[in-house]
Amino acid sequence: MPVQKFRSVEAMDAAATLPRPGDIEAFLRHCARYWAMAPRVYPRGVFRLRSLEDADRLSAGHRLAER
């Protein structure tokens, strides 16, 4: 797909965007792969950590909890 440059939002609206055949199927396969490897449950809240080691421990705990 070629890169297009626009000078205004109106020019973007007027541009033709026609997907190539097969693009939708490739996009859906990509989405399925993403959701297959994404965690099922995300931890709630914001964590403030003092070091990278603390972050690694927290991350390892979340990875173990999801399996």
PDB file of N, CA and C in Angstrom:
ATOM      1  N   MET A   1       0.841  -1.165   0.000  1.00  0.00           N
ATOM      2  CA  MET A   1       0.000   0.000   0.000  1.00  0.00           C
ATOM      3  C   MET A   1       0.894   1.238   0.000  1.00  0.00           C
ATOM      4  N   PRO A   2       0.679   2.146  -0.937  1.00  0.00           N
ATOM      5  CA  PRO A   2       1.524   3.342  -1.005  1.00  0.00           C
ATOM      6  C   PRO A   2       1.212   4.312   0.131  1.00  0.00           C
ATOM      7  N   VAL A   3       2.213   5.103   0.481  1.00  0.00           N
ATOM      8  CA  VAL A   3       2.053   6.120   1.511  1.00  0.00           C
ATOM      9  C   VAL A   3       1.445   7.364   0.879  1.00  0.00           C
ATOM     10  N   GLN A   4       0.452   7.940   1.549  1.00  0.00           N
ATOM     11  CA  GLN A   4      -0.182   9.159   1.053  1.00  0.00           C
ATOM     12  C   GLN A   4       0.042  10.277   2.049  1.00  0.00           C
ATOM     13  N   LYS A   5       0.261  11.494   1.546  1.00  0.00           N
ATOM     14  CA  LYS A   5       0.394  12.666   2.401  1.00  0.00           C
ATOM     15  C   LYS A   5      -0.815  13.559   2.189  1.00  0.00           C
ATOM     16  N   PHE A   6      -1.292  14.137   3.279  1.00  0.00           N
ATOM     17  CA  PHE A   6      -2.468  14.994   3.213  1.00  0.00           C
ATOM     18  C   PHE A   6      -2.168  16.331   3.853  1.00  0.00           C
ATOM     19  N   ARG A   7      -2.747  17.382   3.292  1.00  0.00           N
ATOM     20  CA  ARG A   7      -2.578  18.720   3.835  1.00  0.00           C
ATOM     21  C   ARG A   7      -3.714  19.106   4.780  1.00  0.00           C
ATOM     22  N   SER A   8      -4.807  18.367   4.743  1.00  0.00           N
ATOM     23  CA  SER A   8      -5.932  18.691   5.620  1.00  0.00           C
ATOM     24  C   SER A   8      -6.741  17.427   5.891  1.00  0.00           C
ATOM     25  N   VAL A   9      -7.608  17.527   6.878  1.00  0.00           N
ATOM     26  CA  VAL A   9      -8.478  16.398   7.218  1.00  0.00           C
ATOM     27  C   VAL A   9      -9.480  16.156   6.103  1.00  0.00           C
ATOM     28  N   GLU A  10      -9.908  17.221   5.453  1.00  0.00           N
ATOM     29  CA  GLU A  10     -10.867  17.065   4.355  1.00  0.00           C
ATOM     30  C   GLU A  10     -10.262  16.254   3.214  1.00  0.00           C
ATOM     31  N   ALA A  11      -8.994  16.456   2.951  1.00  0.00           N
ATOM     32  CA  ALA A  11      -8.326  15.689   1.903  1.00  0.00           C
ATOM     33  C   ALA A  11      -8.245  14.214   2.289  1.00  0.00           C
ATOM     34  N   MET A  12      -8.102  13.945   3.587  1.00  0.00           N
ATOM     35  CA  MET A  12      -8.067  12.550   4.043  1.00  0.00           C
ATOM     36  C   MET A  12      -9.418  11.886   3.837  1.00  0.00           C
ATOM     37  N   ASP A  13     -10.488  12.619   4.116  1.00  0.00           N
ATOM     38  CA  ASP A  13     -11.831  12.063   3.931  1.00  0.00           C
ATOM     39  C   ASP A  13     -12.117  11.754   2.468  1.00  0.00           C
ATOM     40  N   ALA A  14     -11.578  12.576   1.573  1.00  0.00           N
ATOM     41  CA  ALA A  14     -11.845  12.399   0.152  1.00  0.00           C
ATOM     42  C   ALA A  14     -11.027  11.277  -0.475  1.00  0.00           C
ATOM     43  N   ALA A  15      -9.970  10.827   0.187  1.00  0.00           N
ATOM     44  CA  ALA A  15      -9.098   9.795  -0.386  1.00  0.00           C
ATOM     45  C   ALA A  15      -9.825   8.452  -0.429  1.00  0.00           C
ATOM     46  N   ALA A  16      -9.610   7.738  -1.507  1.00  0.00           N
ATOM     47  CA  ALA A  16     -10.224   6.418  -1.655  1.00  0.00           C
ATOM     48  C   ALA A  16      -9.403   5.394  -0.892  1.00  0.00           C
ATOM     49  N   THR A  17     -10.057   4.593  -0.093  1.00  0.00           N
ATOM     50  CA  THR A  17      -9.378   3.521   0.629  1.00  0.00           C
ATOM     51  C   THR A  17     -10.082   2.213   0.307  1.00  0.00           C
ATOM     52  N   LEU A  18      -9.514   1.474  -0.576  1.00  0.00           N
ATOM     53  CA  LEU A  18     -10.075   0.188  -0.974  1.00  0.00           C
ATOM     54  C   LEU A  18      -9.137  -0.913  -0.504  1.00  0.00           C
ATOM     55  N   PRO A  19      -9.608  -1.787   0.381  1.00  0.00           N
ATOM     56  CA  PRO A  19      -8.731  -2.878   0.837  1.00  0.00           C
ATOM     57  C   PRO A  19      -8.491  -3.884  -0.281  1.00  0.00           C
ATOM     58  N   ARG A  20      -7.296  -4.414  -0.291  1.00  0.00           N
ATOM     59  CA  ARG A  20      -6.971  -5.441  -1.267  1.00  0.00           C
ATOM     60  C   ARG A  20      -7.638  -6.748  -0.857  1.00  0.00           C
ATOM     61  N   PRO A  21      -7.969  -7.606  -1.804  1.00  0.00           N
ATOM     62  CA  PRO A  21      -8.554  -8.901  -1.443  1.00  0.00           C
ATOM     63  C   PRO A  21      -7.585  -9.685  -0.567  1.00  0.00           C
ATOM     64  N   GLY A  22      -8.088 -10.263   0.489  1.00  0.00           N
ATOM     65  CA  GLY A  22      -7.259 -11.040   1.396  1.00  0.00           C
ATOM     66  C   GLY A  22      -6.762 -10.259   2.583  1.00  0.00           C
ATOM     67  N   ASP A  23      -6.846  -8.928   2.560  1.00  0.00           N
ATOM     68  CA  ASP A  23      -6.365  -8.126   3.682  1.00  0.00           C
ATOM     69  C   ASP A  23      -7.189  -8.353   4.945  1.00  0.00           C
ATOM     70  N   ILE A  24      -8.488  -8.498   4.792  1.00  0.00           N
ATOM     71  CA  ILE A  24      -9.351  -8.697   5.959  1.00  0.00           C
ATOM     72  C   ILE A  24      -9.038 -10.036   6.616  1.00  0.00           C
ATOM     73  N   GLU A  25      -8.853 -11.070   5.822  1.00  0.00           N
ATOM     74  CA  GLU A  25      -8.538 -12.385   6.378  1.00  0.00           C
ATOM     75  C   GLU A  25      -7.201 -12.371   7.106  1.00  0.00           C
ATOM     76  N   ALA A  26      -6.207 -11.682   6.537  1.00  0.00           N
ATOM     77  CA  ALA A  26      -4.900 -11.590   7.190  1.00  0.00           C
ATOM     78  C   ALA A  26      -5.013 -10.824   8.500  1.00  0.00           C
ATOM     79  N   PHE A  27      -5.811  -9.762   8.514  1.00  0.00           N
ATOM     80  CA  PHE A  27      -6.014  -8.995   9.731  1.00  0.00           C
ATOM     81  C   PHE A  27      -6.689  -9.849  10.805  1.00  0.00           C
ATOM     82  N   LEU A  28      -7.687 -10.610  10.438  1.00  0.00           N
ATOM     83  CA  LEU A  28      -8.379 -11.461  11.403  1.00  0.00           C
ATOM     84  C   LEU A  28      -7.455 -12.555  11.946  1.00  0.00           C
ATOM     85  N   ARG A  29      -6.583 -13.111  11.105  1.00  0.00           N
ATOM     86  CA  ARG A  29      -5.611 -14.103  11.584  1.00  0.00           C
ATOM     87  C   ARG A  29      -4.642 -13.460  12.568  1.00  0.00           C
ATOM     88  N   HIS A  30      -4.209 -12.246  12.262  1.00  0.00           N
ATOM     89  CA  HIS A  30      -3.319 -11.522  13.166  1.00  0.00           C
ATOM     90  C   HIS A  30      -4.003 -11.281  14.510  1.00  0.00           C
ATOM     91  N   CYS A  31      -5.249 -10.871  14.497  1.00  0.00           N
ATOM     92  CA  CYS A  31      -5.997 -10.650  15.746  1.00  0.00           C
ATOM     93  C   CYS A  31      -6.124 -11.941  16.547  1.00  0.00           C
ATOM     94  N   ALA A  32      -6.389 -13.039  15.885  1.00  0.00           N
ATOM     95  CA  ALA A  32      -6.530 -14.319  16.582  1.00  0.00           C
ATOM     96  C   ALA A  32      -5.215 -14.722  17.233  1.00  0.00           C
ATOM     97  N   ARG A  33      -4.083 -14.511  16.531  1.00  0.00           N
ATOM     98  CA  ARG A  33      -2.786 -14.831  17.134  1.00  0.00           C
ATOM     99  C   ARG A  33      -2.520 -13.953  18.343  1.00  0.00           C
ATOM    100  N   TYR A  34      -2.868 -12.668  18.243  1.00  0.00           N
ATOM    101  CA  TYR A  34      -2.657 -11.754  19.369  1.00  0.00           C
ATOM    102  C   TYR A  34      -3.462 -12.198  20.590  1.00  0.00           C
ATOM    103  N   TRP A  35      -4.739 -12.482  20.396  1.00  0.00           N
ATOM    104  CA  TRP A  35      -5.580 -12.867  21.536  1.00  0.00           C
ATOM    105  C   TRP A  35      -5.188 -14.221  22.101  1.00  0.00           C
ATOM    106  N   ALA A  36      -4.575 -15.084  21.287  1.00  0.00           N
ATOM    107  CA  ALA A  36      -4.121 -16.376  21.796  1.00  0.00           C
ATOM    108  C   ALA A  36      -2.959 -16.213  22.767  1.00  0.00           C
ATOM    109  N   MET A  37      -2.109 -15.193  22.553  1.00  0.00           N
ATOM    110  CA  MET A  37      -0.961 -15.039  23.439  1.00  0.00           C
ATOM    111  C   MET A  37      -1.169 -13.959  24.495  1.00  0.00           C
ATOM    112  N   ALA A  38      -2.250 -13.196  24.423  1.00  0.00           N
ATOM    113  CA  ALA A  38      -2.505 -12.134  25.405  1.00  0.00           C
ATOM    114  C   ALA A  38      -2.987 -12.749  26.718  1.00  0.00           C
ATOM    115  N   PRO A  39      -2.643 -12.135  27.839  1.00  0.00           N
ATOM    116  CA  PRO A  39      -3.130 -12.665  29.118  1.00  0.00           C
ATOM    117  C   PRO A  39      -4.650 -12.565  29.207  1.00  0.00           C
ATOM    118  N   ARG A  40      -5.239 -13.514  29.879  1.00  0.00           N
ATOM    119  CA  ARG A  40      -6.705 -13.546  30.013  1.00  0.00           C
ATOM    120  C   ARG A  40      -7.204 -12.516  31.023  1.00  0.00           C
ATOM    121  N   VAL A  41      -6.438 -12.302  32.067  1.00  0.00           N
ATOM    122  CA  VAL A  41      -6.839 -11.375  33.120  1.00  0.00           C
ATOM    123  C   VAL A  41      -5.669 -10.431  33.388  1.00  0.00           C
ATOM    124  N   TYR A  42      -5.942  -9.168  33.392  1.00  0.00           N
ATOM    125  CA  TYR A  42      -4.915  -8.182  33.686  1.00  0.00           C
ATOM    126  C   TYR A  42      -5.011  -7.776  35.147  1.00  0.00           C
ATOM    127  N   PRO A  43      -3.880  -7.536  35.814  1.00  0.00           N
ATOM    128  CA  PRO A  43      -3.936  -7.089  37.206  1.00  0.00           C
ATOM    129  C   PRO A  43      -4.533  -5.690  37.286  1.00  0.00           C
ATOM    130  N   ARG A  44      -5.324  -5.452  38.323  1.00  0.00           N
ATOM    131  CA  ARG A  44      -5.961  -4.148  38.481  1.00  0.00           C
ATOM    132  C   ARG A  44      -5.032  -3.191  39.198  1.00  0.00           C
ATOM    133  N   GLY A  45      -5.134  -1.933  38.872  1.00  0.00           N
ATOM    134  CA  GLY A  45      -4.413  -0.906  39.599  1.00  0.00           C
ATOM    135  C   GLY A  45      -3.114  -0.483  38.944  1.00  0.00           C
ATOM    136  N   VAL A  46      -2.488   0.466  39.589  1.00  0.00           N
ATOM    137  CA  VAL A  46      -1.204   0.992  39.149  1.00  0.00           C
ATOM    138  C   VAL A  46      -0.168   0.595  40.177  1.00  0.00           C
ATOM    139  N   PHE A  47       0.949   0.069  39.713  1.00  0.00           N
ATOM    140  CA  PHE A  47       1.984  -0.397  40.625  1.00  0.00           C
ATOM    141  C   PHE A  47       3.185   0.527  40.548  1.00  0.00           C
ATOM    142  N   ARG A  48       3.614   1.017  41.684  1.00  0.00           N
ATOM    143  CA  ARG A  48       4.800   1.850  41.750  1.00  0.00           C
ATOM    144  C   ARG A  48       5.899   0.990  42.361  1.00  0.00           C
ATOM    145  N   LEU A  49       6.939   0.746  41.585  1.00  0.00           N
ATOM    146  CA  LEU A  49       7.998  -0.161  42.015  1.00  0.00           C
ATOM    147  C   LEU A  49       9.307   0.608  42.173  1.00  0.00           C
ATOM    148  N   ARG A  50      10.143   0.148  43.087  1.00  0.00           N
ATOM    149  CA  ARG A  50      11.386   0.854  43.375  1.00  0.00           C
ATOM    150  C   ARG A  50      12.549   0.412  42.493  1.00  0.00           C
ATOM    151  N   SER A  51      12.487  -0.789  41.929  1.00  0.00           N
ATOM    152  CA  SER A  51      13.616  -1.268  41.135  1.00  0.00           C
ATOM    153  C   SER A  51      13.119  -2.182  40.014  1.00  0.00           C
ATOM    154  N   LEU A  52      14.017  -2.475  39.091  1.00  0.00           N
ATOM    155  CA  LEU A  52      13.683  -3.403  38.017  1.00  0.00           C
ATOM    156  C   LEU A  52      13.489  -4.816  38.543  1.00  0.00           C
ATOM    157  N   GLU A  53      14.211  -5.159  39.606  1.00  0.00           N
ATOM    158  CA  GLU A  53      14.049  -6.489  40.193  1.00  0.00           C
ATOM    159  C   GLU A  53      12.636  -6.658  40.746  1.00  0.00           C
ATOM    160  N   ASP A  54      12.107  -5.614  41.395  1.00  0.00           N
ATOM    161  CA  ASP A  54      10.726  -5.673  41.884  1.00  0.00           C
ATOM    162  C   ASP A  54       9.751  -5.843  40.720  1.00  0.00           C
ATOM    163  N   ALA A  55       9.999  -5.143  39.625  1.00  0.00           N
ATOM    164  CA  ALA A  55       9.137  -5.250  38.451  1.00  0.00           C
ATOM    165  C   ALA A  55       9.209  -6.654  37.856  1.00  0.00           C
ATOM    166  N   ASP A  56      10.409  -7.226  37.806  1.00  0.00           N
ATOM    167  CA  ASP A  56      10.555  -8.588  37.278  1.00  0.00           C
ATOM    168  C   ASP A  56       9.816  -9.597  38.150  1.00  0.00           C
ATOM    169  N   ARG A  57       9.922  -9.453  39.467  1.00  0.00           N
ATOM    170  CA  ARG A  57       9.209 -10.367  40.368  1.00  0.00           C
ATOM    171  C   ARG A  57       7.700 -10.251  40.190  1.00  0.00           C
ATOM    172  N   LEU A  58       7.207  -9.037  40.088  1.00  0.00           N
ATOM    173  CA  LEU A  58       5.776  -8.827  39.904  1.00  0.00           C
ATOM    174  C   LEU A  58       5.315  -9.409  38.572  1.00  0.00           C
ATOM    175  N   SER A  59       6.089  -9.175  37.520  1.00  0.00           N
ATOM    176  CA  SER A  59       5.750  -9.689  36.204  1.00  0.00           C
ATOM    177  C   SER A  59       5.764 -11.215  36.191  1.00  0.00           C
ATOM    178  N   ALA A  60       6.745 -11.825  36.827  1.00  0.00           N
ATOM    179  CA  ALA A  60       6.813 -13.291  36.882  1.00  0.00           C
ATOM    180  C   ALA A  60       5.613 -13.844  37.635  1.00  0.00           C
ATOM    181  N   GLY A  61       5.204 -13.169  38.681  1.00  0.00           N
ATOM    182  CA  GLY A  61       4.020 -13.622  39.440  1.00  0.00           C
ATOM    183  C   GLY A  61       2.762 -13.569  38.597  1.00  0.00           C
ATOM    184  N   HIS A  62       2.618 -12.552  37.756  1.00  0.00           N
ATOM    185  CA  HIS A  62       1.445 -12.454  36.903  1.00  0.00           C
ATOM    186  C   HIS A  62       1.466 -13.519  35.826  1.00  0.00           C
ATOM    187  N   ARG A  63       2.661 -13.816  35.295  1.00  0.00           N
ATOM    188  CA  ARG A  63       2.755 -14.853  34.275  1.00  0.00           C
ATOM    189  C   ARG A  63       2.419 -16.222  34.844  1.00  0.00           C
ATOM    190  N   LEU A  64       2.847 -16.477  36.092  1.00  0.00           N
ATOM    191  CA  LEU A  64       2.539 -17.765  36.694  1.00  0.00           C
ATOM    192  C   LEU A  64       1.054 -17.873  37.035  1.00  0.00           C
ATOM    193  N   ALA A  65       0.436 -16.773  37.433  1.00  0.00           N
ATOM    194  CA  ALA A  65      -0.962 -16.794  37.835  1.00  0.00           C
ATOM    195  C   ALA A  65      -1.890 -17.039  36.659  1.00  0.00           C
ATOM    196  N   GLU A  66      -1.497 -16.662  35.449  1.00  0.00           N
ATOM    197  CA  GLU A  66      -2.393 -16.794  34.312  1.00  0.00           C
ATOM    198  C   GLU A  66      -2.403 -18.197  33.717  1.00  0.00           C
ATOM    199  N   ARG A  67      -1.460 -19.023  34.063  1.00  0.00           N
ATOM    200  CA  ARG A  67      -1.378 -20.382  33.474  1.00  0.00           C
ATOM    201  C   ARG A  67      -2.163 -21.381  34.235  1.00  0.00           C
TER     202      ARG A  67
END
